[in-house]
Amino acid sequence: MITGKLAGLWLRHMIEAFRYCGIEEPELAEVIAIFGPMAKHMVNADDDVPREPLEDTWLH
């Protein structure tokens, strides 16, 4: 079960990992724009699962 708090922690650690690797802020903003909705989609604490996948979640 993934709660909002756990999804937020995942997102924070992903952002920190990208910063650690030297990703600049403009590119990091693109990553956050993709990973933010993905983190929200992972939350399933109060949902019936499985559910339909998000559209357009691939990095281009």
C-alpha atoms as a PDB file:
ATOM      1  CA  MET A   1       0.000   0.000   0.000  1.00  0.00           C
ATOM      2  CA  ILE A   2       1.418   3.372  -1.027  1.00  0.00           C
ATOM      3  CA  THR A   3       0.295   6.440   0.905  1.00  0.00           C
ATOM      4  CA  GLY A   4       0.626  10.062  -0.153  1.00  0.00           C
ATOM      5  CA  LYS A   5       3.472  10.459   2.331  1.00  0.00           C
ATOM      6  CA  LEU A   6       5.414   7.544   0.824  1.00  0.00           C
ATOM      7  CA  ALA A   7       4.876   8.831  -2.703  1.00  0.00           C
ATOM      8  CA  GLY A   8       6.124  12.258  -1.599  1.00  0.00           C
ATOM      9  CA  LEU A   9       9.225  10.703  -0.067  1.00  0.00           C
ATOM     10  CA  TRP A  10       9.882   8.788  -3.294  1.00  0.00           C
ATOM     11  CA  LEU A  11       9.586  12.010  -5.293  1.00  0.00           C
ATOM     12  CA  ARG A  12      11.880  13.904  -2.939  1.00  0.00           C
ATOM     13  CA  HIS A  13      14.547  11.190  -3.132  1.00  0.00           C
ATOM     14  CA  MET A  14      14.301  11.060  -6.919  1.00  0.00           C
ATOM     15  CA  ILE A  15      14.810  14.828  -7.118  1.00  0.00           C
ATOM     16  CA  GLU A  16      17.756  14.652  -4.709  1.00  0.00           C
ATOM     17  CA  ALA A  17      19.313  11.858  -6.790  1.00  0.00           C
ATOM     18  CA  PHE A  18      19.039  13.922  -9.969  1.00  0.00           C
ATOM     19  CA  ARG A  19      20.599  16.934  -8.223  1.00  0.00           C
ATOM     20  CA  TYR A  20      23.397  14.737  -6.869  1.00  0.00           C
ATOM     21  CA  CYS A  21      24.102  13.612 -10.446  1.00  0.00           C
ATOM     22  CA  GLY A  22      24.479  17.237 -11.495  1.00  0.00           C
ATOM     23  CA  ILE A  23      21.235  17.696 -13.392  1.00  0.00           C
ATOM     24  CA  GLU A  24      20.665  21.415 -13.894  1.00  0.00           C
ATOM     25  CA  GLU A  25      17.463  23.129 -12.753  1.00  0.00           C
ATOM     26  CA  PRO A  26      15.841  23.559 -16.209  1.00  0.00           C
ATOM     27  CA  GLU A  27      16.136  19.820 -16.894  1.00  0.00           C
ATOM     28  CA  LEU A  28      15.172  19.021 -13.309  1.00  0.00           C
ATOM     29  CA  ALA A  29      11.958  21.012 -13.769  1.00  0.00           C
ATOM     30  CA  GLU A  30      11.082  18.729 -16.696  1.00  0.00           C
ATOM     31  CA  VAL A  31      11.730  15.651 -14.552  1.00  0.00           C
ATOM     32  CA  ILE A  32       9.539  17.024 -11.763  1.00  0.00           C
ATOM     33  CA  ALA A  33       6.776  17.773 -14.271  1.00  0.00           C
ATOM     34  CA  ILE A  34       6.780  14.094 -15.229  1.00  0.00           C
ATOM     35  CA  PHE A  35       7.493  12.462 -11.865  1.00  0.00           C
ATOM     36  CA  GLY A  36       5.074  14.652  -9.859  1.00  0.00           C
ATOM     37  CA  PRO A  37       1.919  13.246 -11.484  1.00  0.00           C
ATOM     38  CA  MET A  38       3.494   9.781 -11.448  1.00  0.00           C
ATOM     39  CA  ALA A  39       4.000  10.010  -7.673  1.00  0.00           C
ATOM     40  CA  LYS A  40       0.357  11.001  -7.199  1.00  0.00           C
ATOM     41  CA  HIS A  41      -0.734   8.130  -9.411  1.00  0.00           C
ATOM     42  CA  MET A  42       1.212   5.626  -7.294  1.00  0.00           C
ATOM     43  CA  VAL A  43      -0.906   6.410  -4.224  1.00  0.00           C
ATOM     44  CA  ASN A  44      -3.263   3.513  -3.721  1.00  0.00           C
ATOM     45  CA  ALA A  45      -3.950   3.577   0.029  1.00  0.00           C
ATOM     46  CA  ASP A  46      -7.678   4.243  -0.399  1.00  0.00           C
ATOM     47  CA  ASP A  47      -8.214   2.877  -3.906  1.00  0.00           C
ATOM     48  CA  ASP A  48      -9.332  -0.346  -5.446  1.00  0.00           C
ATOM     49  CA  VAL A  49      -6.429  -1.752  -7.441  1.00  0.00           C
ATOM     50  CA  PRO A  50      -5.500  -2.536 -10.167  1.00  0.00           C
ATOM     51  CA  ARG A  51      -6.368   0.565 -12.130  1.00  0.00           C
ATOM     52  CA  GLU A  52      -5.701   1.919 -15.577  1.00  0.00           C
ATOM     53  CA  PRO A  53      -2.176   3.283 -16.261  1.00  0.00           C
ATOM     54  CA  LEU A  54      -1.546   6.968 -16.879  1.00  0.00           C
ATOM     55  CA  GLU A  55      -1.246   8.149 -20.449  1.00  0.00           C
ATOM     56  CA  ASP A  56       1.981   9.695 -21.767  1.00  0.00           C
ATOM     57  CA  THR A  57       4.232   8.793 -18.823  1.00  0.00           C
ATOM     58  CA  TRP A  58       7.273   8.000 -20.959  1.00  0.00           C
ATOM     59  CA  LEU A  59      10.302  10.265 -20.883  1.00  0.00           C
ATOM     60  CA  HIS A  60      10.909  11.660 -24.346  1.00  0.00           C
END
